[in-house]
Amino acid sequence: MALYLIGLGLDKRGISLHGKKILKSAGIKKIYLENYTVEFPYTKKELEKELKIKIISADREFVESEKLVDEAKKEEVVLLVYGSPLSATTHISLINACNEKRIKFHVLHSGSVFDAVAESGLSLYKFGKTASLPKWQKNFEPKSFIEIIKDNQKIGAHTLLLIDIGLVFNDCKNQLIESGLKEKIIVCSRLGIRSKFYYGELDKIPSKKIKTPYCLIILGKLDNYEMENLKEMNLR
């Protein structure tokens, strides 16, 4: 009995051969798909067709309740995660729960936004702490991400800004402008699928061209080779 955390990568064909083999094994009875940390570039039905399996959707409440861990006491259980499975702290909590309850677990890593951003021409070694931009609600407009950006820029580091589900780019721009962000940015749209990069001032980046999922890079100090790379990438 065991829990398998399997990364899907960034495209519906991004899962590893090892991951596919596990999904097809006779011992696997339940295959869950974590559906709350990213806006998928494909549907569950499309993924089922691609992998030739049946998938059960798993929301935040279900995953955080650790029912998966309890089920893994009795049978082989899989949780599919977009990108790489340990990018979110919730999934690390599942591993901790397995350790506490002495339940076997296996982690199959895959490509994620955290390495795919290097396609922009920037060095991964130059990124600082990652920040998140939540979708603002009435009487809830958190701006703590600005402090993370400032702290990173003090040491010349770039900031990867992850975007909340449901936050369309036009609203994202407005939130950032209201937060006082004036720096030029890189918008990374559909990383690892048909990656597109847009560089410039916020109000000049065309909202209609940005497809989900997307993330932003707020630049720190650019090294010479990074500037050359940006030119070679021919960012729009």
C-alpha atoms as a PDB file:
ATOM      1  CA  MET A   1       0.000   0.000   0.000  1.00  0.00           C
ATOM      2  CA  ALA A   2       1.362   3.421  -0.891  1.00  0.00           C
ATOM      3  CA  LEU A   3       0.691   6.971  -2.002  1.00  0.00           C
ATOM      4  CA  TYR A   4       2.141   8.100  -5.326  1.00  0.00           C
ATOM      5  CA  LEU A   5       2.635  11.810  -5.996  1.00  0.00           C
ATOM      6  CA  ILE A   6       3.136  12.110  -9.741  1.00  0.00           C
ATOM      7  CA  GLY A   7       4.017  15.286 -11.607  1.00  0.00           C
ATOM      8  CA  LEU A   8       2.222  15.883 -14.895  1.00  0.00           C
ATOM      9  CA  GLY A   9       4.685  18.415 -16.233  1.00  0.00           C
ATOM     10  CA  LEU A  10       3.386  21.474 -18.059  1.00  0.00           C
ATOM     11  CA  ASP A  11       1.710  19.826 -21.041  1.00  0.00           C
ATOM     12  CA  LYS A  12      -0.828  16.991 -21.129  1.00  0.00           C
ATOM     13  CA  ARG A  13       1.999  14.855 -22.564  1.00  0.00           C
ATOM     14  CA  GLY A  14       4.496  15.961 -19.917  1.00  0.00           C
ATOM     15  CA  ILE A  15       4.224  12.995 -17.542  1.00  0.00           C
ATOM     16  CA  SER A  16       7.266  10.724 -17.412  1.00  0.00           C
ATOM     17  CA  LEU A  17       7.345   7.182 -18.820  1.00  0.00           C
ATOM     18  CA  HIS A  18       7.771   5.951 -15.256  1.00  0.00           C
ATOM     19  CA  GLY A  19       4.607   7.812 -14.264  1.00  0.00           C
ATOM     20  CA  LYS A  20       2.646   6.314 -17.153  1.00  0.00           C
ATOM     21  CA  LYS A  21       3.813   2.837 -16.175  1.00  0.00           C
ATOM     22  CA  ILE A  22       2.547   3.303 -12.613  1.00  0.00           C
ATOM     23  CA  LEU A  23      -0.854   4.537 -13.832  1.00  0.00           C
ATOM     24  CA  LYS A  24      -1.231   1.379 -15.909  1.00  0.00           C
ATOM     25  CA  SER A  25      -0.179  -1.010 -13.146  1.00  0.00           C
ATOM     26  CA  ALA A  26      -2.820  -3.443 -11.916  1.00  0.00           C
ATOM     27  CA  GLY A  27      -2.488  -2.380  -8.277  1.00  0.00           C
ATOM     28  CA  ILE A  28      -3.662   1.201  -8.870  1.00  0.00           C
ATOM     29  CA  LYS A  29      -7.361   1.566  -8.099  1.00  0.00           C
ATOM     30  CA  LYS A  30      -7.752   5.306  -7.452  1.00  0.00           C
ATOM     31  CA  ILE A  31      -6.199   8.142  -9.456  1.00  0.00           C
ATOM     32  CA  TYR A  32      -6.867  11.666  -8.202  1.00  0.00           C
ATOM     33  CA  LEU A  33      -6.120  14.956  -9.926  1.00  0.00           C
ATOM     34  CA  GLU A  34      -5.318  17.958  -7.728  1.00  0.00           C
ATOM     35  CA  ASN A  35      -7.361  20.772  -9.284  1.00  0.00           C
ATOM     36  CA  TYR A  36      -6.880  23.891  -7.173  1.00  0.00           C
ATOM     37  CA  THR A  37      -3.329  25.205  -7.503  1.00  0.00           C
ATOM     38  CA  VAL A  38      -3.275  26.085 -11.193  1.00  0.00           C
ATOM     39  CA  GLU A  39      -5.502  26.993 -14.106  1.00  0.00           C
ATOM     40  CA  PHE A  40      -5.037  23.977 -16.357  1.00  0.00           C
ATOM     41  CA  PRO A  41      -4.296  24.468 -20.071  1.00  0.00           C
ATOM     42  CA  TYR A  42      -6.371  21.358 -20.799  1.00  0.00           C
ATOM     43  CA  THR A  43      -9.507  19.688 -19.428  1.00  0.00           C
ATOM     44  CA  LYS A  44      -9.745  16.605 -17.226  1.00  0.00           C
ATOM     45  CA  LYS A  45     -11.423  14.810 -20.090  1.00  0.00           C
ATOM     46  CA  GLU A  46      -8.539  15.649 -22.431  1.00  0.00           C
ATOM     47  CA  LEU A  47      -6.049  14.351 -19.867  1.00  0.00           C
ATOM     48  CA  GLU A  48      -8.054  11.144 -19.395  1.00  0.00           C
ATOM     49  CA  LYS A  49      -8.078  10.606 -23.150  1.00  0.00           C
ATOM     50  CA  GLU A  50      -4.352  11.266 -23.432  1.00  0.00           C
ATOM     51  CA  LEU A  51      -3.410   8.913 -20.567  1.00  0.00           C
ATOM     52  CA  LYS A  52      -6.254   6.421 -21.186  1.00  0.00           C
ATOM     53  CA  ILE A  53      -7.319   6.407 -17.537  1.00  0.00           C
ATOM     54  CA  LYS A  54     -10.216   7.520 -15.346  1.00  0.00           C
ATOM     55  CA  ILE A  55      -9.481  10.397 -12.989  1.00  0.00           C
ATOM     56  CA  ILE A  56     -11.187  11.638  -9.816  1.00  0.00           C
ATOM     57  CA  SER A  57     -11.029  15.408  -9.182  1.00  0.00           C
ATOM     58  CA  ALA A  58      -9.539  16.351  -5.810  1.00  0.00           C
ATOM     59  CA  ASP A  59     -10.200  19.827  -4.398  1.00  0.00           C
ATOM     60  CA  ARG A  60      -8.262  21.658  -1.702  1.00  0.00           C
ATOM     61  CA  GLU A  61     -10.523  20.472   1.131  1.00  0.00           C
ATOM     62  CA  PHE A  62     -10.092  16.830   0.160  1.00  0.00           C
ATOM     63  CA  VAL A  63      -6.305  16.983  -0.252  1.00  0.00           C
ATOM     64  CA  GLU A  64      -5.704  18.986   2.916  1.00  0.00           C
ATOM     65  CA  SER A  65      -7.916  16.620   4.941  1.00  0.00           C
ATOM     66  CA  GLU A  66      -5.272  13.936   4.280  1.00  0.00           C
ATOM     67  CA  LYS A  67      -7.963  11.415   3.338  1.00  0.00           C
ATOM     68  CA  LEU A  68      -5.553  10.389   0.601  1.00  0.00           C
ATOM     69  CA  VAL A  69      -3.091   9.253   3.238  1.00  0.00           C
ATOM     70  CA  ASP A  70      -5.744   7.231   5.043  1.00  0.00           C
ATOM     71  CA  GLU A  71      -6.776   5.581   1.779  1.00  0.00           C
ATOM     72  CA  ALA A  72      -3.139   4.750   1.081  1.00  0.00           C
ATOM     73  CA  LYS A  73      -3.128   2.607   4.228  1.00  0.00           C
ATOM     74  CA  LYS A  74      -5.410   0.155   2.430  1.00  0.00           C
ATOM     75  CA  GLU A  75      -4.606   0.481  -1.272  1.00  0.00           C
ATOM     76  CA  GLU A  76      -2.331   2.054  -3.880  1.00  0.00           C
ATOM     77  CA  VAL A  77      -3.423   5.662  -4.443  1.00  0.00           C
ATOM     78  CA  VAL A  78      -2.176   8.229  -6.969  1.00  0.00           C
ATOM     79  CA  LEU A  79      -2.359  12.004  -6.787  1.00  0.00           C
ATOM     80  CA  LEU A  80      -1.588  13.707 -10.100  1.00  0.00           C
ATOM     81  CA  VAL A  81      -0.218  17.233  -9.788  1.00  0.00           C
ATOM     82  CA  TYR A  82       0.262  19.786 -12.558  1.00  0.00           C
ATOM     83  CA  GLY A  83       3.931  20.636 -12.934  1.00  0.00           C
ATOM     84  CA  SER A  84       6.113  19.040 -10.276  1.00  0.00           C
ATOM     85  CA  PRO A  85       4.413  17.524  -7.207  1.00  0.00           C
ATOM     86  CA  LEU A  86       6.387  19.217  -4.445  1.00  0.00           C
ATOM     87  CA  SER A  87       6.004  22.799  -5.661  1.00  0.00           C
ATOM     88  CA  ALA A  88       3.090  23.341  -3.254  1.00  0.00           C
ATOM     89  CA  THR A  89       3.461  23.017   0.521  1.00  0.00           C
ATOM     90  CA  THR A  90       0.215  21.003   0.730  1.00  0.00           C
ATOM     91  CA  HIS A  91       1.888  18.109  -1.020  1.00  0.00           C
ATOM     92  CA  ILE A  92       4.889  18.228   1.294  1.00  0.00           C
ATOM     93  CA  SER A  93       2.397  17.992   4.159  1.00  0.00           C
ATOM     94  CA  LEU A  94       1.106  14.745   2.628  1.00  0.00           C
ATOM     95  CA  ILE A  95       4.622  13.311   2.731  1.00  0.00           C
ATOM     96  CA  ASN A  96       4.979  14.345   6.371  1.00  0.00           C
ATOM     97  CA  ALA A  97       1.663  12.650   7.161  1.00  0.00           C
ATOM     98  CA  CYS A  98       2.835   9.474   5.420  1.00  0.00           C
ATOM     99  CA  ASN A  99       6.028   9.501   7.475  1.00  0.00           C
ATOM    100  CA  GLU A 100       4.091   9.988  10.707  1.00  0.00           C
ATOM    101  CA  LYS A 101       1.726   7.111   9.899  1.00  0.00           C
ATOM    102  CA  ARG A 102       4.456   4.926   8.434  1.00  0.00           C
ATOM    103  CA  ILE A 103       2.831   4.725   5.025  1.00  0.00           C
ATOM    104  CA  LYS A 104       4.972   4.263   1.936  1.00  0.00           C
ATOM    105  CA  PHE A 105       5.073   7.066  -0.596  1.00  0.00           C
ATOM    106  CA  HIS A 106       6.752   7.672  -3.927  1.00  0.00           C
ATOM    107  CA  VAL A 107       7.402  11.017  -5.620  1.00  0.00           C
ATOM    108  CA  LEU A 108       7.811  11.283  -9.397  1.00  0.00           C
ATOM    109  CA  HIS A 109       9.105  14.706 -10.323  1.00  0.00           C
ATOM    110  CA  SER A 110       8.495  16.522 -13.590  1.00  0.00           C
ATOM    111  CA  GLY A 111       8.980  19.872 -15.312  1.00  0.00           C
ATOM    112  CA  SER A 112       7.503  22.930 -13.611  1.00  0.00           C
ATOM    113  CA  VAL A 113       7.224  26.682 -13.927  1.00  0.00           C
ATOM    114  CA  PHE A 114      10.203  26.986 -11.585  1.00  0.00           C
ATOM    115  CA  ASP A 115      12.600  25.661 -14.202  1.00  0.00           C
ATOM    116  CA  ALA A 116      10.664  26.584 -17.353  1.00  0.00           C
ATOM    117  CA  VAL A 117      11.093  30.329 -16.640  1.00  0.00           C
ATOM    118  CA  ALA A 118      14.732  29.907 -17.742  1.00  0.00           C
ATOM    119  CA  GLU A 119      13.378  29.822 -21.302  1.00  0.00           C
ATOM    120  CA  SER A 120      13.024  33.598 -20.930  1.00  0.00           C
ATOM    121  CA  GLY A 121      16.802  33.881 -21.123  1.00  0.00           C
ATOM    122  CA  LEU A 122      17.249  34.698 -17.447  1.00  0.00           C
ATOM    123  CA  SER A 123      19.478  32.666 -15.161  1.00  0.00           C
ATOM    124  CA  LEU A 124      17.701  30.519 -12.582  1.00  0.00           C
ATOM    125  CA  TYR A 125      20.535  31.351 -10.175  1.00  0.00           C
ATOM    126  CA  LYS A 126      19.440  34.995 -10.259  1.00  0.00           C
ATOM    127  CA  PHE A 127      15.920  34.389  -8.915  1.00  0.00           C
ATOM    128  CA  GLY A 128      15.097  35.278  -5.327  1.00  0.00           C
ATOM    129  CA  LYS A 129      12.075  34.393  -3.224  1.00  0.00           C
ATOM    130  CA  THR A 130       8.912  33.544  -5.163  1.00  0.00           C
ATOM    131  CA  ALA A 131       5.814  35.668  -4.554  1.00  0.00           C
ATOM    132  CA  SER A 132       2.116  35.098  -5.262  1.00  0.00           C
ATOM    133  CA  LEU A 133      -0.531  37.506  -6.485  1.00  0.00           C
ATOM    134  CA  PRO A 134      -3.996  36.579  -5.191  1.00  0.00           C
ATOM    135  CA  LYS A 135      -7.198  37.697  -6.820  1.00  0.00           C
ATOM    136  CA  TRP A 136      -8.409  40.717  -4.880  1.00  0.00           C
ATOM    137  CA  GLN A 137     -11.831  40.637  -3.311  1.00  0.00           C
ATOM    138  CA  LYS A 138     -13.955  43.305  -1.683  1.00  0.00           C
ATOM    139  CA  ASN A 139     -12.150  44.445   1.481  1.00  0.00           C
ATOM    140  CA  PHE A 140      -9.277  42.044   0.703  1.00  0.00           C
ATOM    141  CA  GLU A 141      -6.425  43.547  -1.299  1.00  0.00           C
ATOM    142  CA  PRO A 142      -3.171  41.985  -0.003  1.00  0.00           C
ATOM    143  CA  LYS A 143       0.034  43.650  -1.212  1.00  0.00           C
ATOM    144  CA  SER A 144       2.667  41.673   0.652  1.00  0.00           C
ATOM    145  CA  PHE A 145       4.137  40.511  -2.658  1.00  0.00           C
ATOM    146  CA  ILE A 146       5.503  44.032  -3.172  1.00  0.00           C
ATOM    147  CA  GLU A 147       7.765  43.631  -0.138  1.00  0.00           C
ATOM    148  CA  ILE A 148       9.113  40.363  -1.522  1.00  0.00           C
ATOM    149  CA  ILE A 149       9.874  42.079  -4.838  1.00  0.00           C
ATOM    150  CA  LYS A 150      11.676  44.925  -3.041  1.00  0.00           C
ATOM    151  CA  ASP A 151      13.708  42.505  -0.910  1.00  0.00           C
ATOM    152  CA  ASN A 152      14.752  40.572  -4.017  1.00  0.00           C
ATOM    153  CA  GLN A 153      15.715  43.735  -5.874  1.00  0.00           C
ATOM    154  CA  LYS A 154      17.931  44.834  -2.980  1.00  0.00           C
ATOM    155  CA  ILE A 155      20.190  41.892  -3.816  1.00  0.00           C
ATOM    156  CA  GLY A 156      19.702  42.226  -7.587  1.00  0.00           C
ATOM    157  CA  ALA A 157      17.491  39.150  -7.805  1.00  0.00           C
ATOM    158  CA  HIS A 158      14.557  38.548 -10.142  1.00  0.00           C
ATOM    159  CA  THR A 159      11.121  37.744  -8.717  1.00  0.00           C
ATOM    160  CA  LEU A 160       8.848  35.014 -10.039  1.00  0.00           C
ATOM    161  CA  LEU A 161       5.274  36.144  -9.400  1.00  0.00           C
ATOM    162  CA  LEU A 162       2.729  33.325  -9.452  1.00  0.00           C
ATOM    163  CA  ILE A 163      -0.848  34.229 -10.338  1.00  0.00           C
ATOM    164  CA  ASP A 164      -3.977  33.095  -8.519  1.00  0.00           C
ATOM    165  CA  ILE A 165      -6.561  30.964 -10.348  1.00  0.00           C
ATOM    166  CA  GLY A 166      -9.225  33.081 -12.020  1.00  0.00           C
ATOM    167  CA  LEU A 167      -7.158  36.265 -12.155  1.00  0.00           C
ATOM    168  CA  VAL A 168      -7.259  37.333 -15.805  1.00  0.00           C
ATOM    169  CA  PHE A 169      -4.328  39.366 -17.043  1.00  0.00           C
ATOM    170  CA  ASN A 170      -6.235  42.639 -17.390  1.00  0.00           C
ATOM    171  CA  ASP A 171      -7.254  42.488 -13.708  1.00  0.00           C
ATOM    172  CA  CYS A 172      -3.735  41.391 -12.818  1.00  0.00           C
ATOM    173  CA  LYS A 173      -2.344  44.510 -14.504  1.00  0.00           C
ATOM    174  CA  ASN A 174      -4.765  46.749 -12.624  1.00  0.00           C
ATOM    175  CA  GLN A 175      -3.859  45.188  -9.280  1.00  0.00           C
ATOM    176  CA  LEU A 176      -0.154  45.614  -9.920  1.00  0.00           C
ATOM    177  CA  ILE A 177      -0.549  49.220 -11.037  1.00  0.00           C
ATOM    178  CA  GLU A 178      -2.671  49.989  -7.957  1.00  0.00           C
ATOM    179  CA  SER A 179       0.068  48.386  -5.840  1.00  0.00           C
ATOM    180  CA  GLY A 180       2.602  50.828  -7.251  1.00  0.00           C
ATOM    181  CA  LEU A 181       4.573  48.451  -9.433  1.00  0.00           C
ATOM    182  CA  LYS A 182       6.313  50.543 -12.091  1.00  0.00           C
ATOM    183  CA  GLU A 183       9.087  48.228 -13.242  1.00  0.00           C
ATOM    184  CA  LYS A 184       9.118  46.591 -16.648  1.00  0.00           C
ATOM    185  CA  ILE A 185       8.103  42.959 -16.491  1.00  0.00           C
ATOM    186  CA  ILE A 186       8.211  39.739 -18.456  1.00  0.00           C
ATOM    187  CA  VAL A 187       4.921  37.898 -18.857  1.00  0.00           C
ATOM    188  CA  CYS A 188       5.337  34.151 -19.404  1.00  0.00           C
ATOM    189  CA  SER A 189       2.276  32.652 -21.054  1.00  0.00           C
ATOM    190  CA  ARG A 190       1.692  28.894 -21.289  1.00  0.00           C
ATOM    191  CA  LEU A 191       5.184  27.873 -20.255  1.00  0.00           C
ATOM    192  CA  GLY A 192       6.223  24.473 -21.531  1.00  0.00           C
ATOM    193  CA  ILE A 193       3.317  24.245 -23.954  1.00  0.00           C
ATOM    194  CA  ARG A 194       3.654  26.946 -26.569  1.00  0.00           C
ATOM    195  CA  SER A 195       5.662  29.360 -24.487  1.00  0.00           C
ATOM    196  CA  LYS A 196       5.196  33.043 -25.248  1.00  0.00           C
ATOM    197  CA  PHE A 197       7.072  35.890 -23.568  1.00  0.00           C
ATOM    198  CA  TYR A 198       6.074  39.547 -23.484  1.00  0.00           C
ATOM    199  CA  TYR A 199       8.412  42.199 -22.127  1.00  0.00           C
ATOM    200  CA  GLY A 200       7.679  45.829 -21.319  1.00  0.00           C
ATOM    201  CA  GLU A 201       5.661  48.208 -19.212  1.00  0.00           C
ATOM    202  CA  LEU A 202       2.485  46.800 -17.731  1.00  0.00           C
ATOM    203  CA  ASP A 203       0.023  49.046 -19.512  1.00  0.00           C
ATOM    204  CA  LYS A 204       1.616  48.341 -22.911  1.00  0.00           C
ATOM    205  CA  ILE A 205       1.386  44.548 -22.777  1.00  0.00           C
ATOM    206  CA  PRO A 206      -1.734  43.434 -24.737  1.00  0.00           C
ATOM    207  CA  SER A 207      -4.105  41.598 -22.401  1.00  0.00           C
ATOM    208  CA  LYS A 208      -5.804  39.630 -25.168  1.00  0.00           C
ATOM    209  CA  LYS A 209      -2.579  37.840 -26.060  1.00  0.00           C
ATOM    210  CA  ILE A 210      -1.966  36.436 -22.568  1.00  0.00           C
ATOM    211  CA  LYS A 211      -3.350  32.919 -22.232  1.00  0.00           C
ATOM    212  CA  THR A 212      -3.583  30.947 -19.006  1.00  0.00           C
ATOM    213  CA  PRO A 213      -1.708  29.657 -17.213  1.00  0.00           C
ATOM    214  CA  TYR A 214       0.674  32.587 -17.013  1.00  0.00           C
ATOM    215  CA  CYS A 215       3.156  34.053 -14.551  1.00  0.00           C
ATOM    216  CA  LEU A 216       5.257  37.207 -14.306  1.00  0.00           C
ATOM    217  CA  ILE A 217       8.919  37.972 -13.806  1.00  0.00           C
ATOM    218  CA  ILE A 218       9.866  41.268 -12.165  1.00  0.00           C
ATOM    219  CA  LEU A 219      13.465  41.901 -13.089  1.00  0.00           C
ATOM    220  CA  GLY A 220      16.338  42.472 -10.727  1.00  0.00           C
ATOM    221  CA  LYS A 221      19.799  43.418 -11.929  1.00  0.00           C
ATOM    222  CA  LEU A 222      20.479  42.010 -15.379  1.00  0.00           C
ATOM    223  CA  ASP A 223      23.895  40.560 -16.140  1.00  0.00           C
ATOM    224  CA  ASN A 224      25.329  41.226 -19.590  1.00  0.00           C
ATOM    225  CA  TYR A 225      24.653  37.709 -20.798  1.00  0.00           C
ATOM    226  CA  GLU A 226      21.049  37.934 -19.566  1.00  0.00           C
ATOM    227  CA  MET A 227      20.523  41.136 -21.534  1.00  0.00           C
ATOM    228  CA  GLU A 228      21.950  39.435 -24.609  1.00  0.00           C
ATOM    229  CA  ASN A 229      19.723  36.421 -24.018  1.00  0.00           C
ATOM    230  CA  LEU A 230      16.646  38.649 -23.774  1.00  0.00           C
ATOM    231  CA  LYS A 231      17.542  40.213 -27.112  1.00  0.00           C
ATOM    232  CA  GLU A 232      18.064  36.822 -28.697  1.00  0.00           C
ATOM    233  CA  MET A 233      14.726  35.567 -27.329  1.00  0.00           C
ATOM    234  CA  ASN A 234      13.067  38.340 -29.331  1.00  0.00           C
ATOM    235  CA  LEU A 235      10.521  39.032 -26.612  1.00  0.00           C
ATOM    236  CA  ARG A 236       7.360  40.647 -27.907  1.00  0.00           C
END
